[in-house]
C-alpha atoms as a PDB file:
ATOM      1  CA  MET A   1      -4.746 151.065  64.786  1.00  0.00           C
ATOM      2  CA  ARG A   2      -6.549 147.718  64.935  1.00  0.00           C
ATOM      3  CA  SER A   3      -3.681 145.992  62.940  1.00  0.00           C
ATOM      4  CA  LYS A   4      -1.096 147.598  65.610  1.00  0.00           C
ATOM      5  CA  ILE A   5      -2.931 145.898  68.290  1.00  0.00           C
ATOM      6  CA  LEU A   6      -3.104 142.582  66.500  1.00  0.00           C
ATOM      7  CA  VAL A   7       0.757 142.840  65.778  1.00  0.00           C
ATOM      8  CA  LEU A   8       1.343 143.638  69.492  1.00  0.00           C
ATOM      9  CA  LEU A   9      -0.940 140.770  70.642  1.00  0.00           C
ATOM     10  CA  ALA A  10       0.797 138.266  68.224  1.00  0.00           C
ATOM     11  CA  LEU A  11       4.303 139.392  69.501  1.00  0.00           C
ATOM     12  CA  SER A  12       3.359 139.131  73.062  1.00  0.00           C
ATOM     13  CA  ILE A  13       2.016 135.589  72.372  1.00  0.00           C
ATOM     14  CA  CYS A  14       5.305 134.853  70.605  1.00  0.00           C
ATOM     15  CA  LEU A  15       7.452 136.065  73.401  1.00  0.00           C
ATOM     16  CA  MET A  16       5.435 134.070  75.955  1.00  0.00           C
ATOM     17  CA  SER A  17       5.890 130.997  74.016  1.00  0.00           C
ATOM     18  CA  CYS A  18       9.560 131.742  73.735  1.00  0.00           C
ATOM     19  CA  THR A  19      10.017 131.435  77.421  1.00  0.00           C
ATOM     20  CA  ASN A  20       9.725 127.548  76.863  1.00  0.00           C
ATOM     21  CA  TRP A  21      12.968 127.670  74.878  1.00  0.00           C
ATOM     22  CA  ILE A  22      14.772 129.119  77.903  1.00  0.00           C
ATOM     23  CA  LEU A  23      17.025 126.285  79.326  1.00  0.00           C
ATOM     24  CA  ASP A  24      17.282 125.557  83.042  1.00  0.00           C
ATOM     25  CA  ASN A  25      20.459 123.627  83.706  1.00  0.00           C
ATOM     26  CA  PRO A  26      19.917 120.152  85.029  1.00  0.00           C
ATOM     27  CA  SER A  27      21.330 119.351  88.398  1.00  0.00           C
ATOM     28  CA  PHE A  28      23.404 116.316  89.670  1.00  0.00           C
ATOM     29  CA  THR A  29      23.239 114.743  92.886  1.00  0.00           C
ATOM     30  CA  LEU A  30      25.528 111.892  94.001  1.00  0.00           C
ATOM     31  CA  ARG A  31      23.365 109.207  95.593  1.00  0.00           C
ATOM     32  CA  ARG A  32      25.725 106.274  96.071  1.00  0.00           C
ATOM     33  CA  VAL A  33      29.324 105.115  95.633  1.00  0.00           C
ATOM     34  CA  SER A  34      30.160 101.523  94.788  1.00  0.00           C
ATOM     35  CA  LEU A  35      33.721 100.270  95.410  1.00  0.00           C
ATOM     36  CA  SER A  36      35.537  97.624  93.483  1.00  0.00           C
ATOM     37  CA  PRO A  37      39.325  96.985  94.059  1.00  0.00           C
ATOM     38  CA  ILE A  38      41.287  96.597  90.675  1.00  0.00           C
ATOM     39  CA  SER A  39      44.717  96.396  92.204  1.00  0.00           C
ATOM     40  CA  PHE A  40      46.826  96.929  95.207  1.00  0.00           C
ATOM     41  CA  THR A  41      47.097 100.649  94.454  1.00  0.00           C
ATOM     42  CA  GLU A  42      44.007 101.554  92.672  1.00  0.00           C
ATOM     43  CA  ILE A  43      40.156 101.319  93.158  1.00  0.00           C
ATOM     44  CA  ASN A  44      37.239 101.372  90.814  1.00  0.00           C
ATOM     45  CA  LEU A  45      34.418 103.610  91.884  1.00  0.00           C
ATOM     46  CA  LEU A  46      30.965 103.533  90.350  1.00  0.00           C
ATOM     47  CA  LEU A  47      29.008 106.727  91.069  1.00  0.00           C
ATOM     48  CA  ASP A  48      25.308 106.673  90.996  1.00  0.00           C
ATOM     49  CA  LEU A  49      23.972 110.121  90.164  1.00  0.00           C
ATOM     50  CA  ASP A  50      20.546 111.684  90.009  1.00  0.00           C
ATOM     51  CA  VAL A  51      20.313 113.846  87.054  1.00  0.00           C
ATOM     52  CA  GLN A  52      17.286 116.248  87.466  1.00  0.00           C
ATOM     53  CA  ASN A  53      15.975 117.862  84.414  1.00  0.00           C
ATOM     54  CA  PRO A  54      13.616 120.797  85.381  1.00  0.00           C
ATOM     55  CA  ASN A  55      12.639 121.771  81.800  1.00  0.00           C
ATOM     56  CA  HIS A  56       9.397 121.061  79.976  1.00  0.00           C
ATOM     57  CA  PHE A  57      11.467 119.342  77.135  1.00  0.00           C
ATOM     58  CA  ASP A  58      14.051 116.559  76.835  1.00  0.00           C
ATOM     59  CA  LEU A  59      17.719 117.084  77.124  1.00  0.00           C
ATOM     60  CA  LYS A  60      20.448 114.998  75.596  1.00  0.00           C
ATOM     61  CA  LEU A  61      23.564 114.952  77.918  1.00  0.00           C
ATOM     62  CA  LYS A  62      26.299 115.035  75.255  1.00  0.00           C
ATOM     63  CA  SER A  63      29.414 115.236  77.463  1.00  0.00           C
ATOM     64  CA  PHE A  64      29.922 115.142  81.218  1.00  0.00           C
ATOM     65  CA  GLU A  65      33.233 115.644  82.731  1.00  0.00           C
ATOM     66  CA  TYR A  66      33.567 115.690  86.701  1.00  0.00           C
ATOM     67  CA  THR A  67      35.909 115.877  89.589  1.00  0.00           C
ATOM     68  CA  VAL A  68      34.877 114.224  92.848  1.00  0.00           C
ATOM     69  CA  TYR A  69      35.899 115.134  96.305  1.00  0.00           C
ATOM     70  CA  LEU A  70      35.349 113.014  99.603  1.00  0.00           C
ATOM     71  CA  LYS A  71      35.827 114.802 102.763  1.00  0.00           C
ATOM     72  CA  ASN A  72      37.230 117.898 100.805  1.00  0.00           C
ATOM     73  CA  GLU A  73      39.979 115.664  99.369  1.00  0.00           C
ATOM     74  CA  GLU A  74      40.143 115.258  95.568  1.00  0.00           C
ATOM     75  CA  ILE A  75      39.902 111.565  94.835  1.00  0.00           C
ATOM     76  CA  GLY A  76      39.731 111.659  91.116  1.00  0.00           C
ATOM     77  CA  ASN A  77      38.149 112.714  87.968  1.00  0.00           C
ATOM     78  CA  GLY A  78      36.446 111.263  84.969  1.00  0.00           C
ATOM     79  CA  HIS A  79      34.007 111.613  82.098  1.00  0.00           C
ATOM     80  CA  LEU A  80      30.926 109.878  80.761  1.00  0.00           C
ATOM     81  CA  GLY A  81      31.652 107.876  77.474  1.00  0.00           C
ATOM     82  CA  LYS A  82      28.315 108.007  75.862  1.00  0.00           C
ATOM     83  CA  GLU A  83      25.273 110.415  75.337  1.00  0.00           C
ATOM     84  CA  LEU A  84      22.208 109.971  77.328  1.00  0.00           C
ATOM     85  CA  LEU A  85      18.681 111.206  77.051  1.00  0.00           C
ATOM     86  CA  ILE A  86      17.313 113.058  80.189  1.00  0.00           C
ATOM     87  CA  PRO A  87      13.448 113.253  79.914  1.00  0.00           C
ATOM     88  CA  SER A  88      11.671 116.466  80.604  1.00  0.00           C
ATOM     89  CA  SER A  89      10.546 117.158  83.959  1.00  0.00           C
ATOM     90  CA  SER A  90      12.074 114.238  85.705  1.00  0.00           C
ATOM     91  CA  THR A  91      14.967 112.692  87.491  1.00  0.00           C
ATOM     92  CA  THR A  92      17.153 110.160  85.639  1.00  0.00           C
ATOM     93  CA  GLN A  93      19.565 107.876  87.388  1.00  0.00           C
ATOM     94  CA  ILE A  94      23.008 107.349  85.618  1.00  0.00           C
ATOM     95  CA  GLN A  95      26.183 105.720  86.551  1.00  0.00           C
ATOM     96  CA  VAL A  96      29.593 107.104  85.910  1.00  0.00           C
ATOM     97  CA  PRO A  97      33.014 105.411  86.510  1.00  0.00           C
ATOM     98  CA  LEU A  98      35.951 106.841  88.411  1.00  0.00           C
ATOM     99  CA  VAL A  99      39.302 105.254  89.062  1.00  0.00           C
ATOM    100  CA  ALA A 100      41.068 106.464  92.312  1.00  0.00           C
ATOM    101  CA  LYS A 101      44.305 105.658  93.958  1.00  0.00           C
ATOM    102  CA  PHE A 102      44.015 104.246  97.480  1.00  0.00           C
ATOM    103  CA  LYS A 103      46.526 107.031  98.652  1.00  0.00           C
ATOM    104  CA  ASP A 104      43.863 109.566  97.498  1.00  0.00           C
ATOM    105  CA  LEU A 105      41.252 107.856  99.712  1.00  0.00           C
ATOM    106  CA  SER A 106      43.405 107.842 102.889  1.00  0.00           C
ATOM    107  CA  GLY A 107      41.145 110.417 104.731  1.00  0.00           C
ATOM    108  CA  SER A 108      37.781 108.772 103.495  1.00  0.00           C
ATOM    109  CA  ILE A 109      38.670 105.033 104.022  1.00  0.00           C
ATOM    110  CA  LYS A 110      37.879 105.098 107.742  1.00  0.00           C
ATOM    111  CA  THR A 111      34.523 106.788 107.150  1.00  0.00           C
ATOM    112  CA  ILE A 112      33.804 104.277 104.252  1.00  0.00           C
ATOM    113  CA  PHE A 113      34.432 101.345 106.465  1.00  0.00           C
ATOM    114  CA  THR A 114      32.624 102.656 109.570  1.00  0.00           C
ATOM    115  CA  GLY A 115      29.469 103.556 107.709  1.00  0.00           C
ATOM    116  CA  ASN A 116      29.037 107.230 108.640  1.00  0.00           C
ATOM    117  CA  ASP A 117      27.784 109.808 106.538  1.00  0.00           C
ATOM    118  CA  LEU A 118      30.522 111.017 104.081  1.00  0.00           C
ATOM    119  CA  PRO A 119      30.580 114.651 102.849  1.00  0.00           C
ATOM    120  CA  TYR A 120      31.092 114.891  98.952  1.00  0.00           C
ATOM    121  CA  LYS A 121      31.396 117.512  96.370  1.00  0.00           C
ATOM    122  CA  ILE A 122      31.046 116.835  92.613  1.00  0.00           C
ATOM    123  CA  GLU A 123      31.877 119.545  90.141  1.00  0.00           C
ATOM    124  CA  GLY A 124      32.517 119.993  86.429  1.00  0.00           C
ATOM    125  CA  THR A 125      31.126 120.634  83.108  1.00  0.00           C
ATOM    126  CA  ALA A 126      28.295 119.353  81.125  1.00  0.00           C
ATOM    127  CA  ASP A 127      27.180 119.826  77.479  1.00  0.00           C
ATOM    128  CA  VAL A 128      23.482 119.292  76.975  1.00  0.00           C
ATOM    129  CA  SER A 129      21.519 119.974  73.639  1.00  0.00           C
ATOM    130  CA  THR A 130      17.857 120.467  72.866  1.00  0.00           C
ATOM    131  CA  VAL A 131      16.079 120.609  69.491  1.00  0.00           C
ATOM    132  CA  LEU A 132      17.202 124.228  69.365  1.00  0.00           C
ATOM    133  CA  ARG A 133      20.558 124.617  70.693  1.00  0.00           C
ATOM    134  CA  ASN A 134      23.735 123.205  72.532  1.00  0.00           C
ATOM    135  CA  HIS A 135      24.536 124.515  76.033  1.00  0.00           C
ATOM    136  CA  LYS A 136      27.831 123.961  78.045  1.00  0.00           C
ATOM    137  CA  PHE A 137      27.833 124.720  81.635  1.00  0.00           C
ATOM    138  CA  THR A 138      29.665 124.309  84.897  1.00  0.00           C
ATOM    139  CA  PHE A 139      27.999 122.605  87.933  1.00  0.00           C
ATOM    140  CA  SER A 140      29.028 122.045  91.553  1.00  0.00           C
ATOM    141  CA  LYS A 141      27.083 120.015  94.060  1.00  0.00           C
ATOM    142  CA  GLU A 142      27.763 119.370  97.781  1.00  0.00           C
ATOM    143  CA  GLY A 143      26.070 116.976 100.020  1.00  0.00           C
ATOM    144  CA  HIS A 144      26.586 113.832 102.148  1.00  0.00           C
ATOM    145  CA  ILE A 145      26.389 110.096 101.261  1.00  0.00           C
ATOM    146  CA  ASN A 146      24.813 107.877 103.837  1.00  0.00           C
ATOM    147  CA  LEU A 147      26.998 104.778 103.811  1.00  0.00           C
ATOM    148  CA  LYS A 148      24.806 102.673 106.150  1.00  0.00           C
ATOM    149  CA  ASN A 149      22.271 101.935 103.055  1.00  0.00           C
END
């Protein structure tokens, strides 16, 4: 009887410690967009993102593919070309590139130049790894960028 209680106690301790292995998906928030014209038809956008890791362990962002919408219009998509370490229980700022055509920005240009809040949506897939496993997930985040800053 005593050995059964010890086994059950050991099993419950193991199960409680395994909850640390459960992966909470990181979140992505668009903080700022920098513009740099590269031709008469295209513009280079640099997106400043905050990546929030809610886990008590580090994550490695292995791949990150995204599509960006401004004022509900798709302006382009891109991917991160390198792996990044996202420390545990923290927010890390990253920059990702996006090339957009001026014609795709037509509905957003006035808002960009008048300095009003610009509604955005960023969605895509991310592949993260931990010491124990890899995990691929989809994400979608909507918000507003304050262009007056």
